[in-house]
Amino acid sequence: MNTTISSNGLPQLPLATGNADSSASQASNTTATAGTSTTQANDSVQLTDSARALQQASGADAPVDTAKVEQIKQSLAAGTYKVDPHAIANSLVSMEGQIGGTK
């Protein structure tokens, strides 16, 4: 697929190719289509289930428990916020298992 990108007044770099014959052909194609952009109808993208889940999670508006946020703010300001290192470690191990596909 050939895509033409506007140079915005900057010099254009030659396209990297596998052989010299191909580069001469591409140079003439680039010159001929310098003012146009083309798309191919057969371009497609296939997402894995993990990618779909990540896309849904990042686009979702997760509800925020404002009362809990305020409680954490107050305990941080007072210096009474407790960190449970075992809970953090367990969550990290669980997440590692999910990423690696073992759990």
PDB file of N, CA and C in Angstrom:
ATOM      1  N   MET A   1       0.844  -1.157   0.000  1.00  0.00           N
ATOM      2  CA  MET A   1       0.000   0.000   0.000  1.00  0.00           C
ATOM      3  C   MET A   1       0.892   1.223   0.000  1.00  0.00           C
ATOM      4  N   ASN A   2       0.685   2.133  -0.922  1.00  0.00           N
ATOM      5  CA  ASN A   2       1.423   3.379  -0.983  1.00  0.00           C
ATOM      6  C   ASN A   2       0.607   4.465  -0.319  1.00  0.00           C
ATOM      7  N   THR A   3       1.224   5.208   0.580  1.00  0.00           N
ATOM      8  CA  THR A   3       0.566   6.303   1.250  1.00  0.00           C
ATOM      9  C   THR A   3       1.411   7.543   1.062  1.00  0.00           C
ATOM     10  N   THR A   4       0.806   8.624   0.643  1.00  0.00           N
ATOM     11  CA  THR A   4       1.527   9.869   0.450  1.00  0.00           C
ATOM     12  C   THR A   4       1.284  10.753   1.656  1.00  0.00           C
ATOM     13  N   ILE A   5       2.341  11.258   2.239  1.00  0.00           N
ATOM     14  CA  ILE A   5       2.258  12.132   3.398  1.00  0.00           C
ATOM     15  C   ILE A   5       2.765  13.501   2.979  1.00  0.00           C
ATOM     16  N   SER A   6       2.007  14.520   3.309  1.00  0.00           N
ATOM     17  CA  SER A   6       2.405  15.874   2.958  1.00  0.00           C
ATOM     18  C   SER A   6       3.710  16.213   3.657  1.00  0.00           C
ATOM     19  N   SER A   7       4.628  16.840   2.941  1.00  0.00           N
ATOM     20  CA  SER A   7       5.931  17.160   3.512  1.00  0.00           C
ATOM     21  C   SER A   7       5.927  18.472   4.268  1.00  0.00           C
ATOM     22  N   ASN A   8       4.857  19.258   4.142  1.00  0.00           N
ATOM     23  CA  ASN A   8       4.763  20.558   4.807  1.00  0.00           C
ATOM     24  C   ASN A   8       5.985  21.427   4.533  1.00  0.00           C
ATOM     25  N   GLY A   9       6.489  21.372   3.310  1.00  0.00           N
ATOM     26  CA  GLY A   9       7.626  22.188   2.926  1.00  0.00           C
ATOM     27  C   GLY A   9       8.970  21.560   3.227  1.00  0.00           C
ATOM     28  N   LEU A  10       8.998  20.404   3.887  1.00  0.00           N
ATOM     29  CA  LEU A  10      10.252  19.736   4.219  1.00  0.00           C
ATOM     30  C   LEU A  10      10.659  18.823   3.070  1.00  0.00           C
ATOM     31  N   PRO A  11      11.957  18.596   2.894  1.00  0.00           N
ATOM     32  CA  PRO A  11      12.376  17.683   1.822  1.00  0.00           C
ATOM     33  C   PRO A  11      11.897  16.269   2.112  1.00  0.00           C
ATOM     34  N   GLN A  12      11.523  15.543   1.056  1.00  0.00           N
ATOM     35  CA  GLN A  12      11.040  14.169   1.210  1.00  0.00           C
ATOM     36  C   GLN A  12      12.211  13.204   1.164  1.00  0.00           C
ATOM     37  N   LEU A  13      12.182  12.221   2.053  1.00  0.00           N
ATOM     38  CA  LEU A  13      13.202  11.185   2.089  1.00  0.00           C
ATOM     39  C   LEU A  13      12.810  10.061   1.152  1.00  0.00           C
ATOM     40  N   PRO A  14      13.778   9.379   0.546  1.00  0.00           N
ATOM     41  CA  PRO A  14      13.440   8.249  -0.317  1.00  0.00           C
ATOM     42  C   PRO A  14      12.887   7.094   0.502  1.00  0.00           C
ATOM     43  N   LEU A  15      12.018   6.288  -0.124  1.00  0.00           N
ATOM     44  CA  LEU A  15      11.445   5.127   0.534  1.00  0.00           C
ATOM     45  C   LEU A  15      12.462   4.009   0.608  1.00  0.00           C
ATOM     46  N   ALA A  16      12.527   3.301   1.730  1.00  0.00           N
ATOM     47  CA  ALA A  16      13.425   2.160   1.879  1.00  0.00           C
ATOM     48  C   ALA A  16      12.792   0.960   1.183  1.00  0.00           C
ATOM     49  N   THR A  17      13.565   0.273   0.334  1.00  0.00           N
ATOM     50  CA  THR A  17      13.037  -0.882  -0.384  1.00  0.00           C
ATOM     51  C   THR A  17      14.053  -2.006  -0.384  1.00  0.00           C
ATOM     52  N   GLY A  18      13.587  -3.168  -0.833  1.00  0.00           N
ATOM     53  CA  GLY A  18      14.438  -4.355  -0.851  1.00  0.00           C
ATOM     54  C   GLY A  18      15.395  -4.399  -2.026  1.00  0.00           C
ATOM     55  N   ASN A  19      15.010  -3.842  -3.195  1.00  0.00           N
ATOM     56  CA  ASN A  19      15.906  -3.885  -4.341  1.00  0.00           C
ATOM     57  C   ASN A  19      15.815  -2.605  -5.149  1.00  0.00           C
ATOM     58  N   ALA A  20      16.770  -2.371  -6.038  1.00  0.00           N
ATOM     59  CA  ALA A  20      16.886  -1.127  -6.776  1.00  0.00           C
ATOM     60  C   ALA A  20      15.768  -0.969  -7.803  1.00  0.00           C
ATOM     61  N   ASP A  21      15.358  -2.030  -8.480  1.00  0.00           N
ATOM     62  CA  ASP A  21      14.301  -1.941  -9.482  1.00  0.00           C
ATOM     63  C   ASP A  21      12.994  -1.484  -8.855  1.00  0.00           C
ATOM     64  N   SER A  22      12.712  -2.000  -7.682  1.00  0.00           N
ATOM     65  CA  SER A  22      11.497  -1.656  -6.985  1.00  0.00           C
ATOM     66  C   SER A  22      11.513  -0.194  -6.560  1.00  0.00           C
ATOM     67  N   SER A  23      12.679   0.313  -6.142  1.00  0.00           N
ATOM     68  CA  SER A  23      12.745   1.694  -5.675  1.00  0.00           C
ATOM     69  C   SER A  23      12.514   2.665  -6.821  1.00  0.00           C
ATOM     70  N   ALA A  24      12.981   2.369  -8.008  1.00  0.00           N
ATOM     71  CA  ALA A  24      12.745   3.243  -9.154  1.00  0.00           C
ATOM     72  C   ALA A  24      11.256   3.267  -9.487  1.00  0.00           C
ATOM     73  N   SER A  25      10.604   2.133  -9.412  1.00  0.00           N
ATOM     74  CA  SER A  25       9.184   2.045  -9.686  1.00  0.00           C
ATOM     75  C   SER A  25       8.393   2.825  -8.643  1.00  0.00           C
ATOM     76  N   GLN A  26       8.778   2.691  -7.368  1.00  0.00           N
ATOM     77  CA  GLN A  26       8.076   3.390  -6.313  1.00  0.00           C
ATOM     78  C   GLN A  26       8.296   4.890  -6.411  1.00  0.00           C
ATOM     79  N   ALA A  27       9.473   5.310  -6.815  1.00  0.00           N
ATOM     80  CA  ALA A  27       9.751   6.732  -6.951  1.00  0.00           C
ATOM     81  C   ALA A  27       8.837   7.338  -8.005  1.00  0.00           C
ATOM     82  N   SER A  28       8.634   6.652  -9.127  1.00  0.00           N
ATOM     83  CA  SER A  28       7.752   7.188 -10.157  1.00  0.00           C
ATOM     84  C   SER A  28       6.306   7.174  -9.677  1.00  0.00           C
ATOM     85  N   ASN A  29       5.902   6.141  -8.907  1.00  0.00           N
ATOM     86  CA  ASN A  29       4.546   6.097  -8.367  1.00  0.00           C
ATOM     87  C   ASN A  29       4.330   7.215  -7.359  1.00  0.00           C
ATOM     88  N   THR A  30       5.329   7.492  -6.534  1.00  0.00           N
ATOM     89  CA  THR A  30       5.222   8.542  -5.536  1.00  0.00           C
ATOM     90  C   THR A  30       5.080   9.894  -6.217  1.00  0.00           C
ATOM     91  N   THR A  31       5.847  10.120  -7.265  1.00  0.00           N
ATOM     92  CA  THR A  31       5.775  11.376  -7.997  1.00  0.00           C
ATOM     93  C   THR A  31       4.406  11.530  -8.652  1.00  0.00           C
ATOM     94  N   ALA A  32       3.885  10.466  -9.198  1.00  0.00           N
ATOM     95  CA  ALA A  32       2.612  10.526  -9.900  1.00  0.00           C
ATOM     96  C   ALA A  32       1.450  10.756  -8.941  1.00  0.00           C
ATOM     97  N   THR A  33       1.559  10.286  -7.698  1.00  0.00           N
ATOM     98  CA  THR A  33       0.448  10.401  -6.759  1.00  0.00           C
ATOM     99  C   THR A  33       0.740  11.391  -5.646  1.00  0.00           C
ATOM    100  N   ALA A  34       1.662  12.312  -5.850  1.00  0.00           N
ATOM    101  CA  ALA A  34       2.074  13.221  -4.791  1.00  0.00           C
ATOM    102  C   ALA A  34       0.921  14.046  -4.243  1.00  0.00           C
ATOM    103  N   GLY A  35      -0.053  14.400  -5.046  1.00  0.00           N
ATOM    104  CA  GLY A  35      -1.142  15.240  -4.579  1.00  0.00           C
ATOM    105  C   GLY A  35      -2.367  14.467  -4.155  1.00  0.00           C
ATOM    106  N   THR A  36      -2.359  13.146  -4.195  1.00  0.00           N
ATOM    107  CA  THR A  36      -3.547  12.366  -3.871  1.00  0.00           C
ATOM    108  C   THR A  36      -3.233  11.365  -2.782  1.00  0.00           C
ATOM    109  N   SER A  37      -4.272  10.917  -2.117  1.00  0.00           N
ATOM    110  CA  SER A  37      -4.100   9.831  -1.154  1.00  0.00           C
ATOM    111  C   SER A  37      -5.027   8.704  -1.569  1.00  0.00           C
ATOM    112  N   THR A  38      -4.562   7.487  -1.402  1.00  0.00           N
ATOM    113  CA  THR A  38      -5.365   6.341  -1.803  1.00  0.00           C
ATOM    114  C   THR A  38      -5.535   5.398  -0.627  1.00  0.00           C
ATOM    115  N   THR A  39      -6.648   4.699  -0.621  1.00  0.00           N
ATOM    116  CA  THR A  39      -6.871   3.664   0.380  1.00  0.00           C
ATOM    117  C   THR A  39      -7.303   2.407  -0.337  1.00  0.00           C
ATOM    118  N   GLN A  40      -7.022   1.285   0.274  1.00  0.00           N
ATOM    119  CA  GLN A  40      -7.426   0.016  -0.310  1.00  0.00           C
ATOM    120  C   GLN A  40      -8.610  -0.521   0.474  1.00  0.00           C
ATOM    121  N   ALA A  41      -9.576  -1.044  -0.225  1.00  0.00           N
ATOM    122  CA  ALA A  41     -10.791  -1.532   0.412  1.00  0.00           C
ATOM    123  C   ALA A  41     -10.557  -2.818   1.190  1.00  0.00           C
ATOM    124  N   ASN A  42      -9.475  -3.523   0.913  1.00  0.00           N
ATOM    125  CA  ASN A  42      -9.262  -4.806   1.568  1.00  0.00           C
ATOM    126  C   ASN A  42      -8.384  -4.715   2.810  1.00  0.00           C
ATOM    127  N   ASP A  43      -8.096  -3.512   3.316  1.00  0.00           N
ATOM    128  CA  ASP A  43      -7.354  -3.374   4.562  1.00  0.00           C
ATOM    129  C   ASP A  43      -8.243  -3.808   5.720  1.00  0.00           C
ATOM    130  N   SER A  44      -7.671  -4.539   6.671  1.00  0.00           N
ATOM    131  CA  SER A  44      -8.463  -4.959   7.824  1.00  0.00           C
ATOM    132  C   SER A  44      -7.564  -5.117   9.036  1.00  0.00           C
ATOM    133  N   VAL A  45      -8.201  -5.088  10.195  1.00  0.00           N
ATOM    134  CA  VAL A  45      -7.507  -5.269  11.465  1.00  0.00           C
ATOM    135  C   VAL A  45      -8.264  -6.325  12.240  1.00  0.00           C
ATOM    136  N   GLN A  46      -7.537  -7.264  12.826  1.00  0.00           N
ATOM    137  CA  GLN A  46      -8.165  -8.278  13.667  1.00  0.00           C
ATOM    138  C   GLN A  46      -7.602  -8.132  15.074  1.00  0.00           C
ATOM    139  N   LEU A  47      -8.498  -7.931  16.046  1.00  0.00           N
ATOM    140  CA  LEU A  47      -8.095  -7.768  17.426  1.00  0.00           C
ATOM    141  C   LEU A  47      -8.245  -9.086  18.176  1.00  0.00           C
ATOM    142  N   THR A  48      -7.321  -9.353  19.070  1.00  0.00           N
ATOM    143  CA  THR A  48      -7.437 -10.529  19.918  1.00  0.00           C
ATOM    144  C   THR A  48      -8.490 -10.259  20.990  1.00  0.00           C
ATOM    145  N   ASP A  49      -8.910 -11.304  21.674  1.00  0.00           N
ATOM    146  CA  ASP A  49      -9.874 -11.137  22.757  1.00  0.00           C
ATOM    147  C   ASP A  49      -9.312 -10.232  23.842  1.00  0.00           C
ATOM    148  N   SER A  50      -8.012 -10.366  24.118  1.00  0.00           N
ATOM    149  CA  SER A  50      -7.372  -9.518  25.131  1.00  0.00           C
ATOM    150  C   SER A  50      -7.400  -8.059  24.711  1.00  0.00           C
ATOM    151  N   ALA A  51      -7.149  -7.790  23.447  1.00  0.00           N
ATOM    152  CA  ALA A  51      -7.162  -6.421  22.953  1.00  0.00           C
ATOM    153  C   ALA A  51      -8.564  -5.829  23.028  1.00  0.00           C
ATOM    154  N   ARG A  52      -9.577  -6.642  22.711  1.00  0.00           N
ATOM    155  CA  ARG A  52     -10.959  -6.168  22.809  1.00  0.00           C
ATOM    156  C   ARG A  52     -11.322  -5.846  24.253  1.00  0.00           C
ATOM    157  N   ALA A  53     -10.916  -6.704  25.179  1.00  0.00           N
ATOM    158  CA  ALA A  53     -11.205  -6.467  26.592  1.00  0.00           C
ATOM    159  C   ALA A  53     -10.514  -5.202  27.081  1.00  0.00           C
ATOM    160  N   LEU A  54      -9.273  -5.009  26.667  1.00  0.00           N
ATOM    161  CA  LEU A  54      -8.535  -3.798  27.048  1.00  0.00           C
ATOM    162  C   LEU A  54      -9.194  -2.558  26.461  1.00  0.00           C
ATOM    163  N   GLN A  55      -9.640  -2.653  25.219  1.00  0.00           N
ATOM    164  CA  GLN A  55     -10.305  -1.530  24.568  1.00  0.00           C
ATOM    165  C   GLN A  55     -11.606  -1.181  25.298  1.00  0.00           C
ATOM    166  N   GLN A  56     -12.371  -2.195  25.675  1.00  0.00           N
ATOM    167  CA  GLN A  56     -13.612  -1.947  26.398  1.00  0.00           C
ATOM    168  C   GLN A  56     -13.343  -1.347  27.773  1.00  0.00           C
ATOM    169  N   ALA A  57     -12.314  -1.858  28.451  1.00  0.00           N
ATOM    170  CA  ALA A  57     -12.000  -1.368  29.790  1.00  0.00           C
ATOM    171  C   ALA A  57     -11.517   0.079  29.755  1.00  0.00           C
ATOM    172  N   SER A  58     -10.739   0.426  28.743  1.00  0.00           N
ATOM    173  CA  SER A  58     -10.211   1.783  28.683  1.00  0.00           C
ATOM    174  C   SER A  58     -11.273   2.780  28.257  1.00  0.00           C
ATOM    175  N   GLY A  59     -12.287   2.336  27.536  1.00  0.00           N
ATOM    176  CA  GLY A  59     -13.332   3.235  27.074  1.00  0.00           C
ATOM    177  C   GLY A  59     -14.506   3.332  28.028  1.00  0.00           C
ATOM    178  N   ALA A  60     -14.574   2.443  28.969  1.00  0.00           N
ATOM    179  CA  ALA A  60     -15.712   2.413  29.887  1.00  0.00           C
ATOM    180  C   ALA A  60     -15.576   3.510  30.936  1.00  0.00           C
ATOM    181  N   ASP A  61     -16.700   4.098  31.271  1.00  0.00           N
ATOM    182  CA  ASP A  61     -16.727   5.084  32.344  1.00  0.00           C
ATOM    183  C   ASP A  61     -16.960   4.340  33.655  1.00  0.00           C
ATOM    184  N   ALA A  62     -15.870   4.064  34.346  1.00  0.00           N
ATOM    185  CA  ALA A  62     -15.973   3.333  35.601  1.00  0.00           C
ATOM    186  C   ALA A  62     -16.527   4.268  36.669  1.00  0.00           C
ATOM    187  N   PRO A  63     -17.483   3.781  37.446  1.00  0.00           N
ATOM    188  CA  PRO A  63     -18.020   4.628  38.509  1.00  0.00           C
ATOM    189  C   PRO A  63     -16.962   4.864  39.586  1.00  0.00           C
ATOM    190  N   VAL A  64     -16.968   6.063  40.138  1.00  0.00           N
ATOM    191  CA  VAL A  64     -16.005   6.425  41.169  1.00  0.00           C
ATOM    192  C   VAL A  64     -16.740   6.526  42.491  1.00  0.00           C
ATOM    193  N   ASP A  65     -16.235   5.824  43.492  1.00  0.00           N
ATOM    194  CA  ASP A  65     -16.808   5.881  44.829  1.00  0.00           C
ATOM    195  C   ASP A  65     -16.213   7.114  45.514  1.00  0.00           C
ATOM    196  N   THR A  66     -16.920   8.242  45.389  1.00  0.00           N
ATOM    197  CA  THR A  66     -16.386   9.499  45.911  1.00  0.00           C
ATOM    198  C   THR A  66     -16.234   9.475  47.434  1.00  0.00           C
ATOM    199  N   ALA A  67     -17.092   8.736  48.116  1.00  0.00           N
ATOM    200  CA  ALA A  67     -16.975   8.644  49.574  1.00  0.00           C
ATOM    201  C   ALA A  67     -15.666   7.948  49.957  1.00  0.00           C
ATOM    202  N   LYS A  68     -15.328   6.886  49.219  1.00  0.00           N
ATOM    203  CA  LYS A  68     -14.085   6.164  49.508  1.00  0.00           C
ATOM    204  C   LYS A  68     -12.868   7.025  49.177  1.00  0.00           C
ATOM    205  N   VAL A  69     -12.949   7.761  48.074  1.00  0.00           N
ATOM    206  CA  VAL A  69     -11.854   8.658  47.692  1.00  0.00           C
ATOM    207  C   VAL A  69     -11.641   9.697  48.783  1.00  0.00           C
ATOM    208  N   GLU A  70     -12.723  10.274  49.282  1.00  0.00           N
ATOM    209  CA  GLU A  70     -12.621  11.289  50.334  1.00  0.00           C
ATOM    210  C   GLU A  70     -12.041  10.699  51.616  1.00  0.00           C
ATOM    211  N   GLN A  71     -12.447   9.458  51.942  1.00  0.00           N
ATOM    212  CA  GLN A  71     -11.921   8.792  53.143  1.00  0.00           C
ATOM    213  C   GLN A  71     -10.419   8.568  53.014  1.00  0.00           C
ATOM    214  N   ILE A  72      -9.956   8.146  51.846  1.00  0.00           N
ATOM    215  CA  ILE A  72      -8.526   7.918  51.624  1.00  0.00           C
ATOM    216  C   ILE A  72      -7.772   9.235  51.693  1.00  0.00           C
ATOM    217  N   LYS A  73      -8.341  10.307  51.115  1.00  0.00           N
ATOM    218  CA  LYS A  73      -7.697  11.623  51.187  1.00  0.00           C
ATOM    219  C   LYS A  73      -7.491  12.056  52.634  1.00  0.00           C
ATOM    220  N   GLN A  74      -8.536  11.867  53.421  1.00  0.00           N
ATOM    221  CA  GLN A  74      -8.456  12.284  54.825  1.00  0.00           C
ATOM    222  C   GLN A  74      -7.427  11.453  55.601  1.00  0.00           C
ATOM    223  N   SER A  75      -7.397  10.147  55.369  1.00  0.00           N
ATOM    224  CA  SER A  75      -6.434   9.315  56.092  1.00  0.00           C
ATOM    225  C   SER A  75      -5.004   9.590  55.626  1.00  0.00           C
ATOM    226  N   LEU A  76      -4.814   9.927  54.350  1.00  0.00           N
ATOM    227  CA  LEU A  76      -3.477  10.315  53.879  1.00  0.00           C
ATOM    228  C   LEU A  76      -3.040  11.627  54.530  1.00  0.00           C
ATOM    229  N   ALA A  77      -3.955  12.595  54.588  1.00  0.00           N
ATOM    230  CA  ALA A  77      -3.632  13.892  55.189  1.00  0.00           C
ATOM    231  C   ALA A  77      -3.322  13.743  56.670  1.00  0.00           C
ATOM    232  N   ALA A  78      -4.026  12.835  57.353  1.00  0.00           N
ATOM    233  CA  ALA A  78      -3.817  12.625  58.790  1.00  0.00           C
ATOM    234  C   ALA A  78      -2.627  11.710  59.075  1.00  0.00           C
ATOM    235  N   GLY A  79      -2.120  11.038  58.035  1.00  0.00           N
ATOM    236  CA  GLY A  79      -0.999  10.124  58.239  1.00  0.00           C
ATOM    237  C   GLY A  79      -1.405   8.787  58.812  1.00  0.00           C
ATOM    238  N   THR A  80      -2.672   8.430  58.671  1.00  0.00           N
ATOM    239  CA  THR A  80      -3.163   7.176  59.241  1.00  0.00           C
ATOM    240  C   THR A  80      -3.481   6.126  58.178  1.00  0.00           C
ATOM    241  N   TYR A  81      -3.149   6.393  56.928  1.00  0.00           N
ATOM    242  CA  TYR A  81      -3.432   5.436  55.857  1.00  0.00           C
ATOM    243  C   TYR A  81      -2.525   4.225  56.003  1.00  0.00           C
ATOM    244  N   LYS A  82      -3.105   3.046  56.057  1.00  0.00           N
ATOM    245  CA  LYS A  82      -2.354   1.802  56.228  1.00  0.00           C
ATOM    246  C   LYS A  82      -2.212   1.090  54.885  1.00  0.00           C
ATOM    247  N   VAL A  83      -1.011   0.651  54.592  1.00  0.00           N
ATOM    248  CA  VAL A  83      -0.729  -0.098  53.372  1.00  0.00           C
ATOM    249  C   VAL A  83      -0.572  -1.562  53.753  1.00  0.00           C
ATOM    250  N   ASP A  84      -1.280  -2.438  53.065  1.00  0.00           N
ATOM    251  CA  ASP A  84      -1.194  -3.877  53.315  1.00  0.00           C
ATOM    252  C   ASP A  84      -0.295  -4.494  52.246  1.00  0.00           C
ATOM    253  N   PRO A  85       0.991  -4.732  52.565  1.00  0.00           N
ATOM    254  CA  PRO A  85       1.916  -5.244  51.553  1.00  0.00           C
ATOM    255  C   PRO A  85       1.534  -6.633  51.050  1.00  0.00           C
ATOM    256  N   HIS A  86       0.893  -7.448  51.885  1.00  0.00           N
ATOM    257  CA  HIS A  86       0.480  -8.789  51.452  1.00  0.00           C
ATOM    258  C   HIS A  86      -0.628  -8.710  50.403  1.00  0.00           C
ATOM    259  N   ALA A  87      -1.575  -7.791  50.594  1.00  0.00           N
ATOM    260  CA  ALA A  87      -2.654  -7.627  49.612  1.00  0.00           C
ATOM    261  C   ALA A  87      -2.088  -7.125  48.288  1.00  0.00           C
ATOM    262  N   ILE A  88      -1.127  -6.214  48.359  1.00  0.00           N
ATOM    263  CA  ILE A  88      -0.495  -5.699  47.137  1.00  0.00           C
ATOM    264  C   ILE A  88       0.245  -6.820  46.422  1.00  0.00           C
ATOM    265  N   ALA A  89       1.011  -7.609  47.178  1.00  0.00           N
ATOM    266  CA  ALA A  89       1.767  -8.713  46.579  1.00  0.00           C
ATOM    267  C   ALA A  89       0.835  -9.735  45.943  1.00  0.00           C
ATOM    268  N   ASN A  90      -0.259 -10.064  46.622  1.00  0.00           N
ATOM    269  CA  ASN A  90      -1.223 -11.016  46.068  1.00  0.00           C
ATOM    270  C   ASN A  90      -1.856 -10.498  44.778  1.00  0.00           C
ATOM    271  N   SER A  91      -2.169  -9.204  44.749  1.00  0.00           N
ATOM    272  CA  SER A  91      -2.750  -8.618  43.540  1.00  0.00           C
ATOM    273  C   SER A  91      -1.751  -8.636  42.387  1.00  0.00           C
ATOM    274  N   LEU A  92      -0.485  -8.352  42.686  1.00  0.00           N
ATOM    275  CA  LEU A  92       0.544  -8.377  41.646  1.00  0.00           C
ATOM    276  C   LEU A  92       0.742  -9.784  41.091  1.00  0.00           C
ATOM    277  N   VAL A  93       0.746 -10.781  41.957  1.00  0.00           N
ATOM    278  CA  VAL A  93       0.900 -12.161  41.519  1.00  0.00           C
ATOM    279  C   VAL A  93      -0.296 -12.576  40.654  1.00  0.00           C
ATOM    280  N   SER A  94      -1.485 -12.186  41.080  1.00  0.00           N
ATOM    281  CA  SER A  94      -2.685 -12.508  40.316  1.00  0.00           C
ATOM    282  C   SER A  94      -2.656 -11.842  38.942  1.00  0.00           C
ATOM    283  N   MET A  95      -2.251 -10.574  38.916  1.00  0.00           N
ATOM    284  CA  MET A  95      -2.184  -9.852  37.645  1.00  0.00           C
ATOM    285  C   MET A  95      -1.130 -10.471  36.738  1.00  0.00           C
ATOM    286  N   GLU A  96      -0.008 -10.862  37.288  1.00  0.00           N
ATOM    287  CA  GLU A  96       1.057 -11.514  36.507  1.00  0.00           C
ATOM    288  C   GLU A  96       0.537 -12.813  35.899  1.00  0.00           C
ATOM    289  N   GLY A  97      -0.243 -13.561  36.673  1.00  0.00           N
ATOM    290  CA  GLY A  97      -0.836 -14.794  36.153  1.00  0.00           C
ATOM    291  C   GLY A  97      -1.802 -14.546  35.014  1.00  0.00           C
ATOM    292  N   GLN A  98      -2.573 -13.461  35.123  1.00  0.00           N
ATOM    293  CA  GLN A  98      -3.525 -13.117  34.061  1.00  0.00           C
ATOM    294  C   GLN A  98      -2.801 -12.678  32.799  1.00  0.00           C
ATOM    295  N   ILE A  99      -1.742 -11.904  32.957  1.00  0.00           N
ATOM    296  CA  ILE A  99      -0.966 -11.447  31.805  1.00  0.00           C
ATOM    297  C   ILE A  99      -0.285 -12.615  31.118  1.00  0.00           C
ATOM    298  N   GLY A 100       0.286 -13.502  31.917  1.00  0.00           N
ATOM    299  CA  GLY A 100       0.974 -14.654  31.375  1.00  0.00           C
ATOM    300  C   GLY A 100       0.042 -15.752  30.897  1.00  0.00           C
ATOM    301  N   GLY A 101      -1.226 -15.651  31.216  1.00  0.00           N
ATOM    302  CA  GLY A 101      -2.194 -16.636  30.764  1.00  0.00           C
ATOM    303  C   GLY A 101      -2.219 -17.905  31.598  1.00  0.00           C
ATOM    304  N   THR A 102      -1.659 -17.880  32.806  1.00  0.00           N
ATOM    305  CA  THR A 102      -1.633 -19.083  33.632  1.00  0.00           C
ATOM    306  C   THR A 102      -2.825 -19.167  34.568  1.00  0.00           C
ATOM    307  N   LYS A 103      -3.553 -18.086  34.751  1.00  0.00           N
ATOM    308  CA  LYS A 103      -4.719 -18.095  35.654  1.00  0.00           C
ATOM    309  C   LYS A 103      -5.932 -17.630  34.950  1.00  0.00           C
TER     310      LYS A 103
END
